[in-house]
Amino acid sequence: MVSWQEFADEAPTVAGVFLRRHAATGRLCLLATLRSDGYPRISPIEPGIFEGHLVLVGMPNTTKFADLARNPRFNLHTATVDTQVSDGDAKLWGLARNLPDTGLHARFAEDLYAESGLDLRGQVFDPFFVADLTGASSIEIDEGGLVITIWRPGRGERTVRKS
């Protein structure tokens, strides 16, 4: 499995589209998880990138985090507001892993406070999910055609063009 930094190094196109859309929506993405009955759940989330990790944190004790604790598989989709997808779109999938590193949590809380004013300093993050990525894709519009970029760990990016 691959951390955010390893993914960004191997898949600069997909990572770039993800970062562009992530920033354009104020970090809003849609997280797909699996409910206890096996059906999919879609939830809003504001993931962050911190110290080489894609961090999936949010309000504690939510059903999406209960889903990830039970079954770590997820799909993360950049929020799309344009039906023409003129600014691109990205999807990442993988496994969520609880990273119980209290030093990292403290640095994350300090960074979050400096960036947004949200003060979670001194609070316990349990769980503190980070993404281990197993695949990703993006789409962009180029000269009237659709450019699909697909990434798999260790294989780099592959591009498919459709007109």
Protein backbone atom coordinates (compact mmCIF):
# COMPACT_ATOMS: atom_id res chain seq x y z
CA MET A 1 0.00 0.00 0.00
CA VAL A 2 1.07 3.52 -0.75
CA SER A 3 1.12 6.75 1.28
CA TRP A 4 0.02 10.08 -0.16
CA GLN A 5 3.61 11.15 -0.80
CA GLU A 6 4.49 7.95 -2.64
CA PHE A 7 1.29 8.27 -4.68
CA ALA A 8 2.01 11.93 -5.56
CA ASP A 9 5.51 10.95 -6.69
CA GLU A 10 4.22 8.07 -8.86
CA ALA A 11 1.06 9.76 -10.16
CA PRO A 12 1.65 13.51 -10.55
CA THR A 13 -1.23 13.99 -12.98
CA VAL A 14 -3.89 12.34 -10.83
CA ALA A 15 -2.49 13.92 -7.66
CA GLY A 16 -2.52 17.33 -9.35
CA VAL A 17 -6.16 17.01 -10.39
CA PHE A 18 -7.08 15.84 -6.88
CA LEU A 19 -5.26 18.77 -5.25
CA ARG A 20 -6.80 21.30 -7.65
CA ARG A 21 -10.35 20.05 -7.02
CA HIS A 22 -9.67 19.61 -3.28
CA ALA A 23 -8.63 23.26 -3.02
CA ALA A 24 -11.47 24.53 -5.25
CA THR A 25 -14.14 23.02 -2.98
CA GLY A 26 -12.61 24.09 0.32
CA ARG A 27 -11.33 20.52 0.83
CA LEU A 28 -14.79 18.97 0.46
CA CYS A 29 -14.82 15.41 -0.89
CA LEU A 30 -17.23 12.49 -0.80
CA LEU A 31 -16.16 9.37 1.08
CA ALA A 32 -17.63 6.00 0.18
CA THR A 33 -17.52 3.34 2.88
CA LEU A 34 -19.31 0.04 3.48
CA ARG A 35 -22.08 -0.05 6.07
CA SER A 36 -22.43 -2.99 8.47
CA ASP A 37 -25.16 -4.46 6.22
CA GLY A 38 -22.78 -4.35 3.22
CA TYR A 39 -24.48 -1.48 1.40
CA PRO A 40 -22.40 1.55 0.41
CA ARG A 41 -22.50 4.81 2.35
CA ILE A 42 -21.54 8.20 0.90
CA SER A 43 -20.50 10.88 3.40
CA PRO A 44 -18.99 14.34 3.09
CA ILE A 45 -15.47 14.69 4.46
CA GLU A 46 -12.72 17.30 4.41
CA PRO A 47 -9.53 15.23 4.13
CA GLY A 48 -6.16 16.83 4.63
CA ILE A 49 -2.66 16.19 3.46
CA PHE A 50 -0.20 16.35 6.31
CA GLU A 51 3.40 15.14 6.61
CA GLY A 52 3.10 12.89 3.57
CA HIS A 53 -0.23 11.32 4.66
CA LEU A 54 -3.73 11.71 3.29
CA VAL A 55 -5.58 12.17 6.58
CA LEU A 56 -9.23 11.11 6.91
CA VAL A 57 -10.27 12.77 10.15
CA GLY A 58 -13.47 14.44 11.22
CA MET A 59 -16.10 14.55 13.91
CA PRO A 60 -15.57 11.58 16.25
CA ASN A 61 -18.09 8.76 16.65
CA THR A 62 -19.61 9.16 13.19
CA THR A 63 -20.96 6.23 11.20
CA LYS A 64 -18.39 6.74 8.44
CA PHE A 65 -15.57 6.15 10.93
CA ALA A 66 -17.38 3.15 12.42
CA ASP A 67 -17.57 1.82 8.85
CA LEU A 68 -13.82 2.31 8.35
CA ALA A 69 -13.00 0.68 11.69
CA ARG A 70 -15.02 -2.37 10.68
CA ASN A 71 -13.99 -2.49 7.00
CA PRO A 72 -11.12 -0.19 5.96
CA ARG A 73 -11.96 -0.08 2.23
CA PHE A 74 -12.91 3.34 0.92
CA ASN A 75 -13.27 5.47 -2.17
CA LEU A 76 -12.68 9.22 -2.03
CA HIS A 77 -14.15 11.40 -4.77
CA THR A 78 -13.54 15.09 -5.31
CA ALA A 79 -16.76 17.05 -5.10
CA THR A 80 -18.10 17.80 -8.57
CA VAL A 81 -20.33 20.80 -9.15
CA ASP A 82 -19.87 21.15 -12.91
CA THR A 83 -21.68 18.61 -15.08
CA GLN A 84 -19.18 19.34 -17.87
CA VAL A 85 -16.27 18.47 -15.50
CA SER A 86 -14.34 21.39 -16.98
CA ASP A 87 -11.96 21.55 -13.99
CA GLY A 88 -11.42 17.80 -13.84
CA ASP A 89 -12.33 15.16 -11.32
CA ALA A 90 -10.41 12.58 -9.29
CA LYS A 91 -11.08 9.39 -7.36
CA LEU A 92 -8.76 7.66 -4.92
CA TRP A 93 -9.32 4.28 -3.34
CA GLY A 94 -7.59 2.22 -0.76
CA LEU A 95 -7.59 1.18 2.87
CA ALA A 96 -7.92 3.45 5.90
CA ARG A 97 -5.42 2.74 8.66
CA ASN A 98 -5.55 4.07 12.20
CA LEU A 99 -2.22 5.76 12.94
CA PRO A 100 -1.89 6.07 16.74
CA ASP A 101 1.06 8.49 16.70
CA THR A 102 0.29 11.10 19.36
CA GLY A 103 3.19 13.31 18.24
CA LEU A 104 1.79 13.40 14.71
CA HIS A 105 -1.68 14.11 16.11
CA ALA A 106 -0.36 17.07 18.12
CA ARG A 107 1.44 18.52 15.09
CA PHE A 108 -1.67 18.00 12.98
CA ALA A 109 -3.82 19.83 15.56
CA GLU A 110 -1.33 22.72 15.68
CA ASP A 111 -1.32 22.95 11.87
CA LEU A 112 -5.12 22.80 11.72
CA TYR A 113 -5.39 25.58 14.30
CA ALA A 114 -2.88 27.78 12.43
CA GLU A 115 -4.67 27.15 9.12
CA SER A 116 -8.32 27.38 10.14
CA GLY A 117 -8.60 28.53 13.75
CA LEU A 118 -10.29 25.23 14.67
CA ASP A 119 -8.75 24.38 18.03
CA LEU A 120 -8.38 20.64 18.57
CA ARG A 121 -5.05 21.00 20.35
CA GLY A 122 -4.75 18.68 23.34
CA GLN A 123 -7.62 16.45 22.20
CA VAL A 124 -7.21 12.74 21.65
CA PHE A 125 -7.61 11.56 18.05
CA ASP A 126 -8.91 8.01 18.19
CA PRO A 127 -9.08 6.91 15.51
CA PHE A 128 -6.72 8.97 13.35
CA PHE A 129 -7.23 7.45 9.92
CA VAL A 130 -4.67 7.84 7.15
CA ALA A 131 -5.09 6.45 3.64
CA ASP A 132 -3.05 3.63 2.19
CA LEU A 133 -3.82 4.07 -1.50
CA THR A 134 -4.34 1.12 -3.83
CA GLY A 135 -5.51 2.97 -6.94
CA ALA A 136 -6.65 6.28 -8.37
CA SER A 137 -7.97 7.91 -11.50
CA SER A 138 -8.72 11.35 -12.86
CA ILE A 139 -10.53 12.85 -15.78
CA GLU A 140 -9.85 16.09 -17.56
CA ILE A 141 -11.17 17.75 -20.71
CA ASP A 142 -8.52 18.43 -23.35
CA GLU A 143 -9.27 19.91 -26.78
CA GLY A 144 -12.86 18.68 -26.64
CA GLY A 145 -11.95 15.14 -25.58
CA LEU A 146 -11.88 13.30 -22.32
CA VAL A 147 -8.49 12.38 -20.86
CA ILE A 148 -8.65 9.57 -18.29
CA THR A 149 -5.52 8.94 -16.23
CA ILE A 150 -5.34 5.72 -14.22
CA TRP A 151 -2.78 4.85 -11.56
CA ARG A 152 -1.91 1.58 -9.84
CA PRO A 153 0.94 1.22 -7.33
CA GLY A 154 4.27 0.46 -8.97
CA ARG A 155 2.87 0.83 -12.49
CA GLY A 156 2.84 4.62 -12.84
CA GLU A 157 0.13 6.43 -14.74
CA ARG A 158 -1.65 5.24 -17.87
CA THR A 159 -3.68 7.64 -20.02
CA VAL A 160 -6.70 6.87 -22.17
CA ARG A 161 -8.18 9.50 -24.51
CA LYS A 162 -11.79 9.51 -25.64
CA SER A 163 -13.31 11.96 -28.07
